[in-house]
């Protein structure tokens, strides 16, 4: 159990019956890599240059 999970469980114990506490499960959420979402400008320029050189 991570420190964040331990702290969340302690907070839940302190809250007791005064509120309903739910913890999200992020196991099924895919990782987001911004480099894959938006091309790196340097890489795009390099690819365009190589395309011109090899043409």
PDB file of N, CA and C in Angstrom:
ATOM      1  N   UNK A   1       0.852  -1.172   0.000  1.00  0.00           N
ATOM      2  CA  UNK A   1       0.000   0.000   0.000  1.00  0.00           C
ATOM      3  C   UNK A   1       0.899   1.237   0.000  1.00  0.00           C
ATOM      4  N   UNK A   2       0.581   2.180  -0.882  1.00  0.00           N
ATOM      5  CA  UNK A   2       1.389   3.395  -0.989  1.00  0.00           C
ATOM      6  C   UNK A   2       1.114   4.334   0.178  1.00  0.00           C
ATOM      7  N   UNK A   3       1.988   5.316   0.352  1.00  0.00           N
ATOM      8  CA  UNK A   3       1.802   6.297   1.420  1.00  0.00           C
ATOM      9  C   UNK A   3       0.520   7.093   1.185  1.00  0.00           C
ATOM     10  N   UNK A   4       0.195   7.365  -0.072  1.00  0.00           N
ATOM     11  CA  UNK A   4      -1.033   8.093  -0.391  1.00  0.00           C
ATOM     12  C   UNK A   4      -2.256   7.279   0.015  1.00  0.00           C
ATOM     13  N   UNK A   5      -2.221   5.992  -0.270  1.00  0.00           N
ATOM     14  CA  UNK A   5      -3.330   5.118   0.125  1.00  0.00           C
ATOM     15  C   UNK A   5      -3.438   5.033   1.640  1.00  0.00           C
ATOM     16  N   UNK A   6      -2.309   4.977   2.320  1.00  0.00           N
ATOM     17  CA  UNK A   6      -2.322   4.933   3.783  1.00  0.00           C
ATOM     18  C   UNK A   6      -2.926   6.207   4.360  1.00  0.00           C
ATOM     19  N   UNK A   7      -2.541   7.355   3.807  1.00  0.00           N
ATOM     20  CA  UNK A   7      -3.098   8.629   4.277  1.00  0.00           C
ATOM     21  C   UNK A   7      -4.594   8.708   4.002  1.00  0.00           C
ATOM     22  N   UNK A   8      -5.018   8.215   2.850  1.00  0.00           N
ATOM     23  CA  UNK A   8      -6.443   8.223   2.518  1.00  0.00           C
ATOM     24  C   UNK A   8      -7.231   7.337   3.475  1.00  0.00           C
ATOM     25  N   UNK A   9      -6.683   6.191   3.810  1.00  0.00           N
ATOM     26  CA  UNK A   9      -7.350   5.295   4.760  1.00  0.00           C
ATOM     27  C   UNK A   9      -7.431   5.931   6.146  1.00  0.00           C
ATOM     28  N   UNK A  10      -6.385   6.624   6.560  1.00  0.00           N
ATOM     29  CA  UNK A  10      -6.412   7.323   7.851  1.00  0.00           C
ATOM     30  C   UNK A  10      -7.465   8.426   7.849  1.00  0.00           C
ATOM     31  N   UNK A  11      -7.556   9.162   6.744  1.00  0.00           N
ATOM     32  CA  UNK A  11      -8.572  10.209   6.636  1.00  0.00           C
ATOM     33  C   UNK A  11      -9.967   9.600   6.703  1.00  0.00           C
ATOM     34  N   UNK A  12     -10.152   8.472   6.041  1.00  0.00           N
ATOM     35  CA  UNK A  12     -11.442   7.778   6.074  1.00  0.00           C
ATOM     36  C   UNK A  12     -11.786   7.355   7.497  1.00  0.00           C
ATOM     37  N   UNK A  13     -10.798   6.853   8.223  1.00  0.00           N
ATOM     38  CA  UNK A  13     -11.032   6.439   9.608  1.00  0.00           C
ATOM     39  C   UNK A  13     -11.401   7.634  10.483  1.00  0.00           C
ATOM     40  N   UNK A  14     -10.756   8.769  10.254  1.00  0.00           N
ATOM     41  CA  UNK A  14     -11.065   9.971  11.037  1.00  0.00           C
ATOM     42  C   UNK A  14     -12.465  10.506  10.729  1.00  0.00           C
ATOM     43  N   UNK A  15     -12.889  10.388   9.487  1.00  0.00           N
ATOM     44  CA  UNK A  15     -14.217  10.861   9.092  1.00  0.00           C
ATOM     45  C   UNK A  15     -15.306   9.983   9.690  1.00  0.00           C
ATOM     46  N   UNK A  16     -15.028   8.694   9.746  1.00  0.00           N
ATOM     47  CA  UNK A  16     -15.987   7.766  10.344  1.00  0.00           C
ATOM     48  C   UNK A  16     -17.287   7.690   9.564  1.00  0.00           C
ATOM     49  N   UNK A  17     -18.415   7.732  10.296  1.00  0.00           N
ATOM     50  CA  UNK A  17     -19.738   7.610   9.688  1.00  0.00           C
ATOM     51  C   UNK A  17     -20.299   8.945   9.214  1.00  0.00           C
ATOM     52  N   UNK A  18     -19.554  10.006   9.342  1.00  0.00           N
ATOM     53  CA  UNK A  18     -20.074  11.332   8.987  1.00  0.00           C
ATOM     54  C   UNK A  18     -20.155  11.562   7.486  1.00  0.00           C
ATOM     55  N   UNK A  19     -19.466  10.751   6.715  1.00  0.00           N
ATOM     56  CA  UNK A  19     -19.497  10.897   5.257  1.00  0.00           C
ATOM     57  C   UNK A  19     -19.145   9.563   4.611  1.00  0.00           C
ATOM     58  N   UNK A  20     -19.604   9.401   3.380  1.00  0.00           N
ATOM     59  CA  UNK A  20     -19.245   8.220   2.606  1.00  0.00           C
ATOM     60  C   UNK A  20     -17.966   8.532   1.840  1.00  0.00           C
ATOM     61  N   UNK A  21     -16.983   7.671   1.969  1.00  0.00           N
ATOM     62  CA  UNK A  21     -15.694   7.890   1.317  1.00  0.00           C
ATOM     63  C   UNK A  21     -15.488   6.807   0.266  1.00  0.00           C
ATOM     64  N   UNK A  22     -15.168   7.242  -0.945  1.00  0.00           N
ATOM     65  CA  UNK A  22     -14.877   6.311  -2.034  1.00  0.00           C
ATOM     66  C   UNK A  22     -13.503   6.636  -2.599  1.00  0.00           C
ATOM     67  N   UNK A  23     -12.798   5.606  -3.029  1.00  0.00           N
ATOM     68  CA  UNK A  23     -11.476   5.777  -3.617  1.00  0.00           C
ATOM     69  C   UNK A  23     -11.529   5.343  -5.077  1.00  0.00           C
ATOM     70  N   UNK A  24     -11.093   6.197  -5.998  1.00  0.00           N
ATOM     71  CA  UNK A  24     -11.109   5.810  -7.416  1.00  0.00           C
ATOM     72  C   UNK A  24     -10.042   4.762  -7.707  1.00  0.00           C
ATOM     73  N   UNK A  25     -10.317   3.932  -8.687  1.00  0.00           N
ATOM     74  CA  UNK A  25      -9.359   2.923  -9.120  1.00  0.00           C
ATOM     75  C   UNK A  25      -8.857   3.329 -10.502  1.00  0.00           C
ATOM     76  N   UNK A  26      -7.612   3.708 -10.578  1.00  0.00           N
ATOM     77  CA  UNK A  26      -7.029   4.178 -11.833  1.00  0.00           C
ATOM     78  C   UNK A  26      -6.298   3.074 -12.598  1.00  0.00           C
ATOM     79  N   UNK A  27      -6.474   1.834 -12.197  1.00  0.00           N
ATOM     80  CA  UNK A  27      -5.733   0.738 -12.821  1.00  0.00           C
ATOM     81  C   UNK A  27      -6.050   0.586 -14.303  1.00  0.00           C
ATOM     82  N   UNK A  28      -7.278   0.890 -14.707  1.00  0.00           N
ATOM     83  CA  UNK A  28      -7.671   0.694 -16.097  1.00  0.00           C
ATOM     84  C   UNK A  28      -7.501   1.938 -16.959  1.00  0.00           C
ATOM     85  N   UNK A  29      -7.021   3.025 -16.388  1.00  0.00           N
ATOM     86  CA  UNK A  29      -6.825   4.258 -17.143  1.00  0.00           C
ATOM     87  C   UNK A  29      -5.472   4.181 -17.855  1.00  0.00           C
ATOM     88  N   UNK A  30      -5.459   4.349 -19.181  1.00  0.00           N
ATOM     89  CA  UNK A  30      -4.172   4.264 -19.889  1.00  0.00           C
ATOM     90  C   UNK A  30      -3.284   5.463 -19.568  1.00  0.00           C
ATOM     91  N   UNK A  31      -2.003   5.242 -19.628  1.00  0.00           N
ATOM     92  CA  UNK A  31      -1.051   6.327 -19.417  1.00  0.00           C
ATOM     93  C   UNK A  31      -1.138   7.313 -20.574  1.00  0.00           C
ATOM     94  N   UNK A  32      -0.951   8.578 -20.295  1.00  0.00           N
ATOM     95  CA  UNK A  32      -0.975   9.619 -21.324  1.00  0.00           C
ATOM     96  C   UNK A  32       0.441  10.104 -21.542  1.00  0.00           C
ATOM     97  N   UNK A  33       0.870  10.055 -22.780  1.00  0.00           N
ATOM     98  CA  UNK A  33       2.186  10.547 -23.136  1.00  0.00           C
ATOM     99  C   UNK A  33       1.988  11.694 -24.115  1.00  0.00           C
ATOM    100  N   UNK A  34       2.221  12.922 -23.675  1.00  0.00           N
ATOM    101  CA  UNK A  34       1.983  14.091 -24.510  1.00  0.00           C
ATOM    102  C   UNK A  34       2.833  14.057 -25.775  1.00  0.00           C
ATOM    103  N   UNK A  35       3.999  13.437 -25.711  1.00  0.00           N
ATOM    104  CA  UNK A  35       4.853  13.354 -26.895  1.00  0.00           C
ATOM    105  C   UNK A  35       4.199  12.520 -27.995  1.00  0.00           C
ATOM    106  N   UNK A  36       3.401  11.537 -27.614  1.00  0.00           N
ATOM    107  CA  UNK A  36       2.707  10.728 -28.607  1.00  0.00           C
ATOM    108  C   UNK A  36       1.455  11.435 -29.114  1.00  0.00           C
ATOM    109  N   UNK A  37       0.872  12.281 -28.282  1.00  0.00           N
ATOM    110  CA  UNK A  37      -0.341  12.999 -28.671  1.00  0.00           C
ATOM    111  C   UNK A  37      -0.032  14.126 -29.655  1.00  0.00           C
ATOM    112  N   UNK A  38       1.010  14.874 -29.382  1.00  0.00           N
ATOM    113  CA  UNK A  38       1.405  15.999 -30.225  1.00  0.00           C
ATOM    114  C   UNK A  38       2.856  15.794 -30.634  1.00  0.00           C
ATOM    115  N   UNK A  39       3.155  15.781 -31.927  1.00  0.00           N
ATOM    116  CA  UNK A  39       4.536  15.536 -32.354  1.00  0.00           C
ATOM    117  C   UNK A  39       5.504  16.585 -31.801  1.00  0.00           C
ATOM    118  N   UNK A  40       6.666  16.125 -31.494  1.00  0.00           N
ATOM    119  CA  UNK A  40       7.734  16.999 -31.034  1.00  0.00           C
ATOM    120  C   UNK A  40       8.145  17.879 -32.212  1.00  0.00           C
ATOM    121  N   UNK A  41       8.110  19.209 -32.079  1.00  0.00           N
ATOM    122  CA  UNK A  41       8.455  20.085 -33.215  1.00  0.00           C
ATOM    123  C   UNK A  41       9.841  19.808 -33.783  1.00  0.00           C
ATOM    124  N   UNK A  42      10.806  19.532 -32.923  1.00  0.00           N
ATOM    125  CA  UNK A  42      12.161  19.245 -33.397  1.00  0.00           C
ATOM    126  C   UNK A  42      12.171  17.984 -34.244  1.00  0.00           C
ATOM    127  N   UNK A  43      11.469  16.966 -33.799  1.00  0.00           N
ATOM    128  CA  UNK A  43      11.408  15.715 -34.552  1.00  0.00           C
ATOM    129  C   UNK A  43      10.686  15.916 -35.880  1.00  0.00           C
ATOM    130  N   UNK A  44       9.655  16.743 -35.886  1.00  0.00           N
ATOM    131  CA  UNK A  44       8.913  17.013 -37.126  1.00  0.00           C
ATOM    132  C   UNK A  44       9.795  17.741 -38.132  1.00  0.00           C
ATOM    133  N   UNK A  45      10.569  18.709 -37.677  1.00  0.00           N
ATOM    134  CA  UNK A  45      11.480  19.446 -38.561  1.00  0.00           C
ATOM    135  C   UNK A  45      12.558  18.509 -39.092  1.00  0.00           C
ATOM    136  N   UNK A  46      13.101  17.659 -38.232  1.00  0.00           N
ATOM    137  CA  UNK A  46      14.130  16.711 -38.656  1.00  0.00           C
ATOM    138  C   UNK A  46      13.575  15.741 -39.690  1.00  0.00           C
ATOM    139  N   UNK A  47      12.360  15.260 -39.484  1.00  0.00           N
ATOM    140  CA  UNK A  47      11.747  14.334 -40.437  1.00  0.00           C
ATOM    141  C   UNK A  47      11.506  15.019 -41.776  1.00  0.00           C
ATOM    142  N   UNK A  48      11.050  16.259 -41.744  1.00  0.00           N
ATOM    143  CA  UNK A  48      10.827  17.003 -42.987  1.00  0.00           C
ATOM    144  C   UNK A  48      12.143  17.232 -43.719  1.00  0.00           C
ATOM    145  N   UNK A  49      13.189  17.559 -42.979  1.00  0.00           N
ATOM    146  CA  UNK A  49      14.512  17.773 -43.579  1.00  0.00           C
ATOM    147  C   UNK A  49      15.012  16.491 -44.234  1.00  0.00           C
ATOM    148  N   UNK A  50      14.902  15.368 -43.523  1.00  0.00           N
ATOM    149  CA  UNK A  50      15.356  14.092 -44.082  1.00  0.00           C
ATOM    150  C   UNK A  50      14.545  13.718 -45.314  1.00  0.00           C
ATOM    151  N   UNK A  51      13.264  14.022 -45.317  1.00  0.00           N
ATOM    152  CA  UNK A  51      12.431  13.731 -46.483  1.00  0.00           C
ATOM    153  C   UNK A  51      12.898  14.541 -47.686  1.00  0.00           C
ATOM    154  N   UNK A  52      13.286  15.791 -47.460  1.00  0.00           N
ATOM    155  CA  UNK A  52      13.784  16.628 -48.557  1.00  0.00           C
ATOM    156  C   UNK A  52      15.140  16.148 -49.054  1.00  0.00           C
ATOM    157  N   UNK A  53      16.011  15.767 -48.135  1.00  0.00           N
ATOM    158  CA  UNK A  53      17.353  15.314 -48.505  1.00  0.00           C
ATOM    159  C   UNK A  53      17.276  14.004 -49.281  1.00  0.00           C
ATOM    160  N   UNK A  54      16.404  13.113 -48.856  1.00  0.00           N
ATOM    161  CA  UNK A  54      16.295  11.794 -49.489  1.00  0.00           C
ATOM    162  C   UNK A  54      15.406  11.800 -50.724  1.00  0.00           C
ATOM    163  N   UNK A  55      14.814  12.927 -51.076  1.00  0.00           N
ATOM    164  CA  UNK A  55      13.891  12.979 -52.230  1.00  0.00           C
ATOM    165  C   UNK A  55      14.646  12.999 -53.541  1.00  0.00           C
TER     166      UNK A  55
END
